[in-house]
Amino acid sequence: MANTQSALKNIRKNRTNYLRNRSVSSKLKTLDKAFLSSVESKDKDAATKAAQSLISALDKASKSNLVHSNKVARKKSRCSALLASL
């Protein structure tokens, strides 16, 4: 167990950040699945809206260094390629 006040505070901060990061990661996976399912169903309007929300969430996650910027760029590129193929 932690002995100092700062160590106790770091434990609290780490737990809060862990829960926040986990929820954002889960949200990204959900948005990605929603986008891919709308592409598979060939629904261009739904795919466009899903891509916008996915790209926005990816950019926000990249800004807070939760997801690497190269991964975000790769996902955004693949989203636009899939949208163009519809």
N, C-alpha and C. Protein backbone atom coordinates (compact mmCIF):
# COMPACT_ATOMS: atom_id res chain seq x y z
N MET A 1 0.84 -1.18 0.00
CA MET A 1 0.00 0.00 0.00
C MET A 1 0.88 1.24 0.00
N ALA A 2 0.35 2.29 -0.57
CA ALA A 2 1.11 3.53 -0.68
C ALA A 2 1.28 4.17 0.70
N ASN A 3 2.42 4.85 0.86
CA ASN A 3 2.73 5.46 2.15
C ASN A 3 2.52 6.96 2.16
N THR A 4 2.67 7.62 1.03
CA THR A 4 2.60 9.07 1.00
C THR A 4 1.30 9.55 0.38
N GLN A 5 0.99 10.81 0.65
CA GLN A 5 -0.22 11.41 0.10
C GLN A 5 -0.17 11.46 -1.43
N SER A 6 1.01 11.78 -1.97
CA SER A 6 1.13 11.89 -3.42
C SER A 6 0.97 10.52 -4.09
N ALA A 7 1.46 9.47 -3.43
CA ALA A 7 1.29 8.13 -3.98
C ALA A 7 -0.18 7.72 -3.97
N LEU A 8 -0.90 8.08 -2.92
CA LEU A 8 -2.33 7.79 -2.86
C LEU A 8 -3.08 8.54 -3.95
N LYS A 9 -2.69 9.79 -4.17
CA LYS A 9 -3.35 10.58 -5.21
C LYS A 9 -3.04 10.00 -6.59
N ASN A 10 -1.81 9.53 -6.80
CA ASN A 10 -1.47 8.92 -8.08
C ASN A 10 -2.28 7.66 -8.33
N ILE A 11 -2.55 6.90 -7.29
CA ILE A 11 -3.38 5.71 -7.44
C ILE A 11 -4.78 6.10 -7.89
N ARG A 12 -5.34 7.14 -7.26
CA ARG A 12 -6.67 7.61 -7.65
C ARG A 12 -6.67 8.13 -9.09
N LYS A 13 -5.65 8.90 -9.44
CA LYS A 13 -5.57 9.45 -10.81
C LYS A 13 -5.43 8.35 -11.84
N ASN A 14 -4.58 7.36 -11.57
CA ASN A 14 -4.37 6.27 -12.51
C ASN A 14 -5.65 5.50 -12.75
N ARG A 15 -6.42 5.27 -11.70
CA ARG A 15 -7.68 4.53 -11.84
C ARG A 15 -8.68 5.33 -12.69
N THR A 16 -8.77 6.63 -12.43
CA THR A 16 -9.68 7.48 -13.20
C THR A 16 -9.28 7.51 -14.67
N ASN A 17 -8.00 7.70 -14.93
CA ASN A 17 -7.52 7.75 -16.32
C ASN A 17 -7.71 6.41 -17.01
N TYR A 18 -7.49 5.32 -16.29
CA TYR A 18 -7.67 3.98 -16.85
C TYR A 18 -9.11 3.77 -17.29
N LEU A 19 -10.04 4.14 -16.43
CA LEU A 19 -11.46 3.97 -16.77
C LEU A 19 -11.86 4.84 -17.95
N ARG A 20 -11.36 6.08 -17.98
CA ARG A 20 -11.68 6.98 -19.08
C ARG A 20 -11.10 6.44 -20.39
N ASN A 21 -9.86 6.02 -20.36
CA ASN A 21 -9.22 5.51 -21.57
C ASN A 21 -9.90 4.24 -22.07
N ARG A 22 -10.32 3.39 -21.15
CA ARG A 22 -10.98 2.16 -21.54
C ARG A 22 -12.33 2.44 -22.20
N SER A 23 -13.04 3.43 -21.69
CA SER A 23 -14.34 3.76 -22.29
C SER A 23 -14.17 4.37 -23.67
N VAL A 24 -13.14 5.18 -23.85
CA VAL A 24 -12.88 5.77 -25.17
C VAL A 24 -12.48 4.70 -26.16
N SER A 25 -11.63 3.76 -25.73
CA SER A 25 -11.23 2.67 -26.61
C SER A 25 -12.42 1.82 -27.02
N SER A 26 -13.30 1.55 -26.07
CA SER A 26 -14.50 0.77 -26.37
C SER A 26 -15.40 1.52 -27.35
N LYS A 27 -15.52 2.83 -27.16
CA LYS A 27 -16.34 3.64 -28.06
C LYS A 27 -15.77 3.61 -29.48
N LEU A 28 -14.44 3.67 -29.60
CA LEU A 28 -13.81 3.63 -30.92
C LEU A 28 -14.10 2.30 -31.62
N LYS A 29 -14.03 1.21 -30.89
CA LYS A 29 -14.31 -0.10 -31.48
C LYS A 29 -15.76 -0.18 -31.93
N THR A 30 -16.67 0.35 -31.12
CA THR A 30 -18.09 0.33 -31.47
C THR A 30 -18.36 1.15 -32.72
N LEU A 31 -17.76 2.34 -32.80
CA LEU A 31 -17.95 3.19 -33.97
C LEU A 31 -17.36 2.53 -35.22
N ASP A 32 -16.23 1.86 -35.07
CA ASP A 32 -15.60 1.18 -36.20
C ASP A 32 -16.49 0.06 -36.72
N LYS A 33 -17.05 -0.72 -35.79
CA LYS A 33 -17.95 -1.81 -36.19
C LYS A 33 -19.20 -1.27 -36.87
N ALA A 34 -19.74 -0.16 -36.36
CA ALA A 34 -20.93 0.44 -36.96
C ALA A 34 -20.64 0.92 -38.37
N PHE A 35 -19.46 1.51 -38.56
CA PHE A 35 -19.08 1.97 -39.90
C PHE A 35 -18.94 0.80 -40.85
N LEU A 36 -18.25 -0.25 -40.43
CA LEU A 36 -18.04 -1.40 -41.30
C LEU A 36 -19.35 -2.11 -41.64
N SER A 37 -20.27 -2.17 -40.70
CA SER A 37 -21.55 -2.81 -40.99
C SER A 37 -22.38 -1.98 -41.96
N SER A 38 -22.28 -0.65 -41.86
CA SER A 38 -23.02 0.19 -42.82
C SER A 38 -22.40 0.10 -44.21
N VAL A 39 -21.09 -0.10 -44.28
CA VAL A 39 -20.44 -0.28 -45.59
C VAL A 39 -20.85 -1.62 -46.19
N GLU A 40 -20.90 -2.65 -45.36
CA GLU A 40 -21.30 -3.97 -45.87
C GLU A 40 -22.73 -3.98 -46.38
N SER A 41 -23.59 -3.17 -45.75
CA SER A 41 -24.99 -3.12 -46.18
C SER A 41 -25.18 -2.15 -47.35
N LYS A 42 -24.10 -1.54 -47.81
CA LYS A 42 -24.10 -0.64 -48.97
C LYS A 42 -25.01 0.57 -48.77
N ASP A 43 -25.14 1.02 -47.53
CA ASP A 43 -25.94 2.21 -47.22
C ASP A 43 -25.01 3.42 -47.16
N LYS A 44 -24.98 4.19 -48.23
CA LYS A 44 -24.01 5.28 -48.35
C LYS A 44 -24.26 6.39 -47.33
N ASP A 45 -25.52 6.75 -47.10
CA ASP A 45 -25.81 7.82 -46.13
C ASP A 45 -25.39 7.43 -44.72
N ALA A 46 -25.76 6.22 -44.31
CA ALA A 46 -25.38 5.76 -42.97
C ALA A 46 -23.88 5.61 -42.85
N ALA A 47 -23.24 5.15 -43.92
CA ALA A 47 -21.78 4.98 -43.89
C ALA A 47 -21.08 6.34 -43.77
N THR A 48 -21.62 7.35 -44.44
CA THR A 48 -21.02 8.69 -44.37
C THR A 48 -21.13 9.25 -42.96
N LYS A 49 -22.31 9.11 -42.35
CA LYS A 49 -22.49 9.60 -40.98
C LYS A 49 -21.62 8.83 -40.00
N ALA A 50 -21.54 7.52 -40.18
CA ALA A 50 -20.72 6.70 -39.29
C ALA A 50 -19.24 7.05 -39.45
N ALA A 51 -18.82 7.34 -40.68
CA ALA A 51 -17.42 7.70 -40.92
C ALA A 51 -17.10 9.03 -40.26
N GLN A 52 -18.01 9.98 -40.34
CA GLN A 52 -17.78 11.29 -39.72
C GLN A 52 -17.61 11.14 -38.21
N SER A 53 -18.49 10.36 -37.58
CA SER A 53 -18.39 10.20 -36.13
C SER A 53 -17.13 9.42 -35.75
N LEU A 54 -16.76 8.42 -36.55
CA LEU A 54 -15.56 7.65 -36.28
C LEU A 54 -14.31 8.51 -36.41
N ILE A 55 -14.23 9.28 -37.47
CA ILE A 55 -13.04 10.12 -37.70
C ILE A 55 -12.93 11.18 -36.61
N SER A 56 -14.05 11.76 -36.21
CA SER A 56 -14.02 12.74 -35.14
C SER A 56 -13.52 12.12 -33.83
N ALA A 57 -14.02 10.95 -33.50
CA ALA A 57 -13.59 10.28 -32.27
C ALA A 57 -12.12 9.88 -32.34
N LEU A 58 -11.67 9.45 -33.52
CA LEU A 58 -10.25 9.10 -33.68
C LEU A 58 -9.36 10.31 -33.48
N ASP A 59 -9.76 11.45 -34.04
CA ASP A 59 -8.97 12.67 -33.88
C ASP A 59 -8.89 13.10 -32.42
N LYS A 60 -10.00 12.99 -31.71
CA LYS A 60 -10.00 13.35 -30.29
C LYS A 60 -9.11 12.41 -29.49
N ALA A 61 -9.15 11.12 -29.81
CA ALA A 61 -8.31 10.15 -29.10
C ALA A 61 -6.84 10.38 -29.41
N SER A 62 -6.55 10.79 -30.64
CA SER A 62 -5.16 11.08 -31.02
C SER A 62 -4.65 12.32 -30.31
N LYS A 63 -5.53 13.29 -30.13
CA LYS A 63 -5.14 14.54 -29.49
C LYS A 63 -4.72 14.31 -28.04
N SER A 64 -5.35 13.34 -27.39
CA SER A 64 -4.99 13.04 -26.00
C SER A 64 -3.98 11.91 -25.90
N ASN A 65 -3.36 11.54 -27.02
CA ASN A 65 -2.33 10.50 -27.09
C ASN A 65 -2.82 9.14 -26.62
N LEU A 66 -4.11 8.88 -26.78
CA LEU A 66 -4.64 7.57 -26.45
C LEU A 66 -4.39 6.59 -27.59
N VAL A 67 -4.43 7.09 -28.83
CA VAL A 67 -4.19 6.29 -30.02
C VAL A 67 -3.06 6.96 -30.80
N HIS A 68 -2.15 6.16 -31.33
CA HIS A 68 -1.02 6.70 -32.07
C HIS A 68 -1.51 7.42 -33.33
N SER A 69 -0.85 8.50 -33.67
CA SER A 69 -1.30 9.32 -34.80
C SER A 69 -1.21 8.58 -36.13
N ASN A 70 -0.23 7.67 -36.26
CA ASN A 70 -0.14 6.89 -37.50
C ASN A 70 -1.31 5.92 -37.64
N LYS A 71 -1.75 5.37 -36.53
CA LYS A 71 -2.90 4.47 -36.57
C LYS A 71 -4.15 5.24 -36.96
N VAL A 72 -4.28 6.45 -36.44
CA VAL A 72 -5.43 7.29 -36.79
C VAL A 72 -5.41 7.62 -38.28
N ALA A 73 -4.24 7.97 -38.80
CA ALA A 73 -4.12 8.30 -40.21
C ALA A 73 -4.47 7.08 -41.08
N ARG A 74 -4.03 5.91 -40.67
CA ARG A 74 -4.32 4.69 -41.42
C ARG A 74 -5.81 4.39 -41.43
N LYS A 75 -6.46 4.51 -40.26
CA LYS A 75 -7.89 4.24 -40.17
C LYS A 75 -8.69 5.24 -40.99
N LYS A 76 -8.30 6.51 -40.94
CA LYS A 76 -9.01 7.53 -41.70
C LYS A 76 -8.87 7.29 -43.20
N SER A 77 -7.69 6.87 -43.63
CA SER A 77 -7.45 6.59 -45.03
C SER A 77 -8.30 5.41 -45.51
N ARG A 78 -8.37 4.38 -44.68
CA ARG A 78 -9.17 3.21 -45.05
C ARG A 78 -10.67 3.53 -45.05
N CYS A 79 -11.09 4.40 -44.16
CA CYS A 79 -12.50 4.83 -44.15
C CYS A 79 -12.84 5.54 -45.43
N SER A 80 -11.98 6.47 -45.85
CA SER A 80 -12.28 7.23 -47.06
C SER A 80 -12.23 6.33 -48.29
N ALA A 81 -11.33 5.35 -48.28
CA ALA A 81 -11.26 4.42 -49.41
C ALA A 81 -12.52 3.57 -49.49
N LEU A 82 -13.02 3.11 -48.35
CA LEU A 82 -14.24 2.33 -48.34
C LEU A 82 -15.45 3.16 -48.75
N LEU A 83 -15.48 4.42 -48.34
CA LEU A 83 -16.58 5.29 -48.75
C LEU A 83 -16.55 5.53 -50.25
N ALA A 84 -15.35 5.69 -50.79
CA ALA A 84 -15.24 5.93 -52.23
C ALA A 84 -15.64 4.71 -53.05
N SER A 85 -15.50 3.53 -52.45
CA SER A 85 -15.84 2.32 -53.18
C SER A 85 -17.34 2.06 -53.24
N LEU A 86 -18.12 2.80 -52.43
CA LEU A 86 -19.58 2.60 -52.43
C LEU A 86 -20.23 3.24 -53.64
